Amino acid sequence: MALLDEYLNREQLAHELKVNPRTVMRWQNLPDGLPFVELGGRILYRRASVMEWIASKERFPNRRRRAAA
């Protein structure tokens, strides 16, 4: 196992999420943005951190609206 196996660069992450690398960059620059590591001038994303960030974006239906329908 290589030291950086659990990290992806921007292009790899974009490919896995099926988005443009500029979208990943935009997500990174949000106030509660995508966590990253800068290492030797390279931007890397740890898989576990990306999964946690995605999970933090989970939304639930408005229960009051559903109950009124």
PDB file of N, CA and C in Angstrom:
ATOM      1  N   MET A   1       0.843  -1.186   0.000  1.00  0.00           N
ATOM      2  CA  MET A   1       0.000   0.000   0.000  1.00  0.00           C
ATOM      3  C   MET A   1       0.887   1.248   0.000  1.00  0.00           C
ATOM      4  N   ALA A   2       0.650   2.128  -0.959  1.00  0.00           N
ATOM      5  CA  ALA A   2       1.418   3.365  -1.062  1.00  0.00           C
ATOM      6  C   ALA A   2       0.890   4.385  -0.057  1.00  0.00           C
ATOM      7  N   LEU A   3       1.736   5.293   0.320  1.00  0.00           N
ATOM      8  CA  LEU A   3       1.414   6.289   1.336  1.00  0.00           C
ATOM      9  C   LEU A   3       0.196   7.146   0.977  1.00  0.00           C
ATOM     10  N   LEU A   4       0.036   7.498  -0.289  1.00  0.00           N
ATOM     11  CA  LEU A   4      -1.049   8.394  -0.700  1.00  0.00           C
ATOM     12  C   LEU A   4      -2.208   7.664  -1.380  1.00  0.00           C
ATOM     13  N   ASP A   5      -2.353   6.371  -1.118  1.00  0.00           N
ATOM     14  CA  ASP A   5      -3.414   5.590  -1.764  1.00  0.00           C
ATOM     15  C   ASP A   5      -4.818   6.118  -1.495  1.00  0.00           C
ATOM     16  N   GLU A   6      -5.052   6.668  -0.315  1.00  0.00           N
ATOM     17  CA  GLU A   6      -6.408   7.121   0.003  1.00  0.00           C
ATOM     18  C   GLU A   6      -6.676   8.558  -0.441  1.00  0.00           C
ATOM     19  N   TYR A   7      -5.759   9.127  -1.215  1.00  0.00           N
ATOM     20  CA  TYR A   7      -5.923  10.496  -1.709  1.00  0.00           C
ATOM     21  C   TYR A   7      -6.128  10.503  -3.220  1.00  0.00           C
ATOM     22  N   LEU A   8      -6.911  11.470  -3.675  1.00  0.00           N
ATOM     23  CA  LEU A   8      -7.167  11.660  -5.100  1.00  0.00           C
ATOM     24  C   LEU A   8      -6.757  13.077  -5.486  1.00  0.00           C
ATOM     25  N   ASN A   9      -6.292  13.255  -6.716  1.00  0.00           N
ATOM     26  CA  ASN A   9      -6.088  14.619  -7.191  1.00  0.00           C
ATOM     27  C   ASN A   9      -7.421  15.138  -7.745  1.00  0.00           C
ATOM     28  N   ARG A  10      -7.462  16.385  -8.127  1.00  0.00           N
ATOM     29  CA  ARG A  10      -8.713  17.017  -8.561  1.00  0.00           C
ATOM     30  C   ARG A  10      -9.332  16.295  -9.758  1.00  0.00           C
ATOM     31  N   GLU A  11      -8.515  15.929 -10.715  1.00  0.00           N
ATOM     32  CA  GLU A  11      -9.026  15.270 -11.915  1.00  0.00           C
ATOM     33  C   GLU A  11      -9.594  13.886 -11.591  1.00  0.00           C
ATOM     34  N   GLN A  12      -8.910  13.156 -10.730  1.00  0.00           N
ATOM     35  CA  GLN A  12      -9.400  11.829 -10.340  1.00  0.00           C
ATOM     36  C   GLN A  12     -10.735  11.930  -9.603  1.00  0.00           C
ATOM     37  N   LEU A  13     -10.826  12.889  -8.678  1.00  0.00           N
ATOM     38  CA  LEU A  13     -12.069  13.072  -7.925  1.00  0.00           C
ATOM     39  C   LEU A  13     -13.200  13.483  -8.858  1.00  0.00           C
ATOM     40  N   ALA A  14     -12.921  14.415  -9.759  1.00  0.00           N
ATOM     41  CA  ALA A  14     -13.933  14.856 -10.714  1.00  0.00           C
ATOM     42  C   ALA A  14     -14.417  13.682 -11.565  1.00  0.00           C
ATOM     43  N   HIS A  15     -13.496  12.850 -11.987  1.00  0.00           N
ATOM     44  CA  HIS A  15     -13.861  11.676 -12.797  1.00  0.00           C
ATOM     45  C   HIS A  15     -14.772  10.737 -12.010  1.00  0.00           C
ATOM     46  N   GLU A  16     -14.431  10.461 -10.745  1.00  0.00           N
ATOM     47  CA  GLU A  16     -15.249   9.560  -9.927  1.00  0.00           C
ATOM     48  C   GLU A  16     -16.645  10.122  -9.674  1.00  0.00           C
ATOM     49  N   LEU A  17     -16.730  11.447  -9.501  1.00  0.00           N
ATOM     50  CA  LEU A  17     -18.021  12.078  -9.222  1.00  0.00           C
ATOM     51  C   LEU A  17     -18.761  12.475 -10.495  1.00  0.00           C
ATOM     52  N   LYS A  18     -18.112  12.266 -11.637  1.00  0.00           N
ATOM     53  CA  LYS A  18     -18.691  12.603 -12.948  1.00  0.00           C
ATOM     54  C   LYS A  18     -19.060  14.080 -13.051  1.00  0.00           C
ATOM     55  N   VAL A  19     -18.117  14.932 -12.623  1.00  0.00           N
ATOM     56  CA  VAL A  19     -18.264  16.383 -12.738  1.00  0.00           C
ATOM     57  C   VAL A  19     -16.987  16.944 -13.346  1.00  0.00           C
ATOM     58  N   ASN A  20     -17.036  18.191 -13.715  1.00  0.00           N
ATOM     59  CA  ASN A  20     -15.877  18.884 -14.261  1.00  0.00           C
ATOM     60  C   ASN A  20     -14.898  19.210 -13.126  1.00  0.00           C
ATOM     61  N   PRO A  21     -13.583  19.156 -13.372  1.00  0.00           N
ATOM     62  CA  PRO A  21     -12.619  19.529 -12.334  1.00  0.00           C
ATOM     63  C   PRO A  21     -12.852  20.946 -11.789  1.00  0.00           C
ATOM     64  N   ARG A  22     -13.393  21.836 -12.604  1.00  0.00           N
ATOM     65  CA  ARG A  22     -13.686  23.198 -12.115  1.00  0.00           C
ATOM     66  C   ARG A  22     -14.807  23.177 -11.073  1.00  0.00           C
ATOM     67  N   THR A  23     -15.718  22.223 -11.176  1.00  0.00           N
ATOM     68  CA  THR A  23     -16.775  22.072 -10.172  1.00  0.00           C
ATOM     69  C   THR A  23     -16.164  21.666  -8.838  1.00  0.00           C
ATOM     70  N   VAL A  24     -15.213  20.750  -8.864  1.00  0.00           N
ATOM     71  CA  VAL A  24     -14.517  20.338  -7.642  1.00  0.00           C
ATOM     72  C   VAL A  24     -13.812  21.553  -7.029  1.00  0.00           C
ATOM     73  N   MET A  25     -13.166  22.354  -7.864  1.00  0.00           N
ATOM     74  CA  MET A  25     -12.478  23.551  -7.374  1.00  0.00           C
ATOM     75  C   MET A  25     -13.481  24.523  -6.741  1.00  0.00           C
ATOM     76  N   ARG A  26     -14.647  24.665  -7.367  1.00  0.00           N
ATOM     77  CA  ARG A  26     -15.680  25.555  -6.831  1.00  0.00           C
ATOM     78  C   ARG A  26     -16.169  25.047  -5.475  1.00  0.00           C
ATOM     79  N   TRP A  27     -16.403  23.734  -5.367  1.00  0.00           N
ATOM     80  CA  TRP A  27     -16.824  23.148  -4.093  1.00  0.00           C
ATOM     81  C   TRP A  27     -15.770  23.381  -3.021  1.00  0.00           C
ATOM     82  N   GLN A  28     -14.512  23.287  -3.391  1.00  0.00           N
ATOM     83  CA  GLN A  28     -13.403  23.491  -2.460  1.00  0.00           C
ATOM     84  C   GLN A  28     -13.402  24.920  -1.918  1.00  0.00           C
ATOM     85  N   ASN A  29     -13.825  25.867  -2.734  1.00  0.00           N
ATOM     86  CA  ASN A  29     -13.775  27.274  -2.343  1.00  0.00           C
ATOM     87  C   ASN A  29     -15.022  27.777  -1.638  1.00  0.00           C
ATOM     88  N   LEU A  30     -16.009  26.901  -1.408  1.00  0.00           N
ATOM     89  CA  LEU A  30     -17.202  27.298  -0.662  1.00  0.00           C
ATOM     90  C   LEU A  30     -16.841  27.550   0.800  1.00  0.00           C
ATOM     91  N   PRO A  31     -17.650  28.367   1.511  1.00  0.00           N
ATOM     92  CA  PRO A  31     -17.360  28.608   2.933  1.00  0.00           C
ATOM     93  C   PRO A  31     -17.272  27.312   3.761  1.00  0.00           C
ATOM     94  N   ASP A  32     -18.126  26.346   3.481  1.00  0.00           N
ATOM     95  CA  ASP A  32     -18.054  25.048   4.165  1.00  0.00           C
ATOM     96  C   ASP A  32     -17.569  24.000   3.164  1.00  0.00           C
ATOM     97  N   GLY A  33     -16.552  24.379   2.425  1.00  0.00           N
ATOM     98  CA  GLY A  33     -16.125  23.632   1.249  1.00  0.00           C
ATOM     99  C   GLY A  33     -15.478  22.292   1.479  1.00  0.00           C
ATOM    100  N   LEU A  34     -15.228  21.661   0.373  1.00  0.00           N
ATOM    101  CA  LEU A  34     -14.604  20.350   0.292  1.00  0.00           C
ATOM    102  C   LEU A  34     -13.216  20.395   0.932  1.00  0.00           C
ATOM    103  N   PRO A  35     -12.955  19.542   1.935  1.00  0.00           N
ATOM    104  CA  PRO A  35     -11.632  19.561   2.570  1.00  0.00           C
ATOM    105  C   PRO A  35     -10.551  19.048   1.617  1.00  0.00           C
ATOM    106  N   PHE A  36      -9.369  19.628   1.729  1.00  0.00           N
ATOM    107  CA  PHE A  36      -8.260  19.239   0.861  1.00  0.00           C
ATOM    108  C   PHE A  36      -6.943  19.393   1.590  1.00  0.00           C
ATOM    109  N   VAL A  37      -5.914  18.812   1.012  1.00  0.00           N
ATOM    110  CA  VAL A  37      -4.548  18.930   1.518  1.00  0.00           C
ATOM    111  C   VAL A  37      -3.704  19.482   0.386  1.00  0.00           C
ATOM    112  N   GLU A  38      -2.867  20.459   0.699  1.00  0.00           N
ATOM    113  CA  GLU A  38      -1.914  20.950  -0.300  1.00  0.00           C
ATOM    114  C   GLU A  38      -0.557  20.370   0.060  1.00  0.00           C
ATOM    115  N   LEU A  39      -0.009  19.602  -0.862  1.00  0.00           N
ATOM    116  CA  LEU A  39       1.231  18.894  -0.604  1.00  0.00           C
ATOM    117  C   LEU A  39       2.170  19.095  -1.791  1.00  0.00           C
ATOM    118  N   GLY A  40       3.222  19.830  -1.561  1.00  0.00           N
ATOM    119  CA  GLY A  40       4.186  20.077  -2.632  1.00  0.00           C
ATOM    120  C   GLY A  40       3.577  20.777  -3.829  1.00  0.00           C
ATOM    121  N   GLY A  41       2.635  21.687  -3.581  1.00  0.00           N
ATOM    122  CA  GLY A  41       1.995  22.417  -4.656  1.00  0.00           C
ATOM    123  C   GLY A  41       0.853  21.661  -5.319  1.00  0.00           C
ATOM    124  N   ARG A  42       0.589  20.440  -4.865  1.00  0.00           N
ATOM    125  CA  ARG A  42      -0.520  19.644  -5.405  1.00  0.00           C
ATOM    126  C   ARG A  42      -1.686  19.681  -4.430  1.00  0.00           C
ATOM    127  N   ILE A  43      -2.889  19.706  -4.966  1.00  0.00           N
ATOM    128  CA  ILE A  43      -4.100  19.641  -4.166  1.00  0.00           C
ATOM    129  C   ILE A  43      -4.580  18.189  -4.172  1.00  0.00           C
ATOM    130  N   LEU A  44      -4.778  17.641  -2.979  1.00  0.00           N
ATOM    131  CA  LEU A  44      -5.230  16.260  -2.841  1.00  0.00           C
ATOM    132  C   LEU A  44      -6.453  16.212  -1.937  1.00  0.00           C
ATOM    133  N   TYR A  45      -7.306  15.238  -2.185  1.00  0.00           N
ATOM    134  CA  TYR A  45      -8.544  15.059  -1.428  1.00  0.00           C
ATOM    135  C   TYR A  45      -8.549  13.659  -0.841  1.00  0.00           C
ATOM    136  N   ARG A  46      -8.733  13.562   0.476  1.00  0.00           N
ATOM    137  CA  ARG A  46      -8.783  12.254   1.124  1.00  0.00           C
ATOM    138  C   ARG A  46     -10.184  11.679   0.955  1.00  0.00           C
ATOM    139  N   ARG A  47     -10.259  10.445   0.479  1.00  0.00           N
ATOM    140  CA  ARG A  47     -11.550   9.804   0.195  1.00  0.00           C
ATOM    141  C   ARG A  47     -12.518   9.897   1.374  1.00  0.00           C
ATOM    142  N   ALA A  48     -12.057   9.580   2.573  1.00  0.00           N
ATOM    143  CA  ALA A  48     -12.933   9.586   3.756  1.00  0.00           C
ATOM    144  C   ALA A  48     -13.471  10.987   4.023  1.00  0.00           C
ATOM    145  N   SER A  49     -12.640  12.005   3.854  1.00  0.00           N
ATOM    146  CA  SER A  49     -13.086  13.389   4.080  1.00  0.00           C
ATOM    147  C   SER A  49     -14.111  13.812   3.039  1.00  0.00           C
ATOM    148  N   VAL A  50     -13.902  13.390   1.794  1.00  0.00           N
ATOM    149  CA  VAL A  50     -14.853  13.715   0.731  1.00  0.00           C
ATOM    150  C   VAL A  50     -16.197  13.050   1.031  1.00  0.00           C
ATOM    151  N   MET A  51     -16.172  11.803   1.472  1.00  0.00           N
ATOM    152  CA  MET A  51     -17.414  11.093   1.796  1.00  0.00           C
ATOM    153  C   MET A  51     -18.143  11.771   2.956  1.00  0.00           C
ATOM    154  N   GLU A  52     -17.407  12.221   3.970  1.00  0.00           N
ATOM    155  CA  GLU A  52     -18.023  12.932   5.099  1.00  0.00           C
ATOM    156  C   GLU A  52     -18.636  14.250   4.629  1.00  0.00           C
ATOM    157  N   TRP A  53     -17.922  14.960   3.743  1.00  0.00           N
ATOM    158  CA  TRP A  53     -18.414  16.240   3.247  1.00  0.00           C
ATOM    159  C   TRP A  53     -19.710  16.029   2.456  1.00  0.00           C
ATOM    160  N   ILE A  54     -19.727  15.008   1.617  1.00  0.00           N
ATOM    161  CA  ILE A  54     -20.932  14.702   0.846  1.00  0.00           C
ATOM    162  C   ILE A  54     -22.078  14.355   1.796  1.00  0.00           C
ATOM    163  N   ALA A  55     -21.803  13.543   2.810  1.00  0.00           N
ATOM    164  CA  ALA A  55     -22.839  13.168   3.778  1.00  0.00           C
ATOM    165  C   ALA A  55     -23.370  14.389   4.516  1.00  0.00           C
ATOM    166  N   SER A  56     -22.524  15.386   4.757  1.00  0.00           N
ATOM    167  CA  SER A  56     -22.967  16.598   5.461  1.00  0.00           C
ATOM    168  C   SER A  56     -23.929  17.424   4.611  1.00  0.00           C
ATOM    169  N   LYS A  57     -23.980  17.159   3.317  1.00  0.00           N
ATOM    170  CA  LYS A  57     -24.872  17.876   2.403  1.00  0.00           C
ATOM    171  C   LYS A  57     -26.241  17.215   2.300  1.00  0.00           C
ATOM    172  N   GLU A  58     -26.413  16.087   2.995  1.00  0.00           N
ATOM    173  CA  GLU A  58     -27.675  15.352   2.930  1.00  0.00           C
ATOM    174  C   GLU A  58     -28.812  16.205   3.477  1.00  0.00           C
ATOM    175  N   ARG A  59     -29.915  16.179   2.772  1.00  0.00           N
ATOM    176  CA  ARG A  59     -31.093  16.946   3.182  1.00  0.00           C
ATOM    177  C   ARG A  59     -32.255  16.003   3.381  1.00  0.00           C
ATOM    178  N   PHE A  60     -33.153  16.413   4.231  1.00  0.00           N
ATOM    179  CA  PHE A  60     -34.326  15.604   4.533  1.00  0.00           C
ATOM    180  C   PHE A  60     -35.567  16.380   4.119  1.00  0.00           C
ATOM    181  N   PRO A  61     -36.608  15.686   3.681  1.00  0.00           N
ATOM    182  CA  PRO A  61     -37.828  16.374   3.260  1.00  0.00           C
ATOM    183  C   PRO A  61     -38.421  17.168   4.416  1.00  0.00           C
ATOM    184  N   ASN A  62     -39.127  18.206   4.052  1.00  0.00           N
ATOM    185  CA  ASN A  62     -39.813  19.024   5.048  1.00  0.00           C
ATOM    186  C   ASN A  62     -41.010  18.224   5.567  1.00  0.00           C
ATOM    187  N   ARG A  63     -40.938  17.787   6.799  1.00  0.00           N
ATOM    188  CA  ARG A  63     -41.989  16.938   7.354  1.00  0.00           C
ATOM    189  C   ARG A  63     -43.324  17.645   7.407  1.00  0.00           C
ATOM    190  N   ARG A  64     -43.332  18.935   7.702  1.00  0.00           N
ATOM    191  CA  ARG A  64     -44.595  19.667   7.778  1.00  0.00           C
ATOM    192  C   ARG A  64     -45.276  19.722   6.416  1.00  0.00           C
ATOM    193  N   ARG A  65     -44.504  19.940   5.373  1.00  0.00           N
ATOM    194  CA  ARG A  65     -45.084  20.012   4.038  1.00  0.00           C
ATOM    195  C   ARG A  65     -45.661  18.656   3.641  1.00  0.00           C
ATOM    196  N   ARG A  66     -44.948  17.586   3.938  1.00  0.00           N
ATOM    197  CA  ARG A  66     -45.401  16.251   3.595  1.00  0.00           C
ATOM    198  C   ARG A  66     -46.666  15.895   4.381  1.00  0.00           C
ATOM    199  N   ALA A  67     -46.758  16.295   5.646  1.00  0.00           N
ATOM    200  CA  ALA A  67     -47.913  15.987   6.482  1.00  0.00           C
ATOM    201  C   ALA A  67     -49.154  16.736   6.012  1.00  0.00           C
ATOM    202  N   ALA A  68     -48.974  17.927   5.454  1.00  0.00           N
ATOM    203  CA  ALA A  68     -50.105  18.747   5.012  1.00  0.00           C
ATOM    204  C   ALA A  68     -50.679  18.240   3.695  1.00  0.00           C
ATOM    205  N   ALA A  69     -49.928  17.486   2.961  1.00  0.00           N
ATOM    206  CA  ALA A  69     -50.394  17.019   1.628  1.00  0.00           C
ATOM    207  C   ALA A  69     -51.425  15.929   1.705  1.00  0.00           C
TER     208      ALA A  69
END
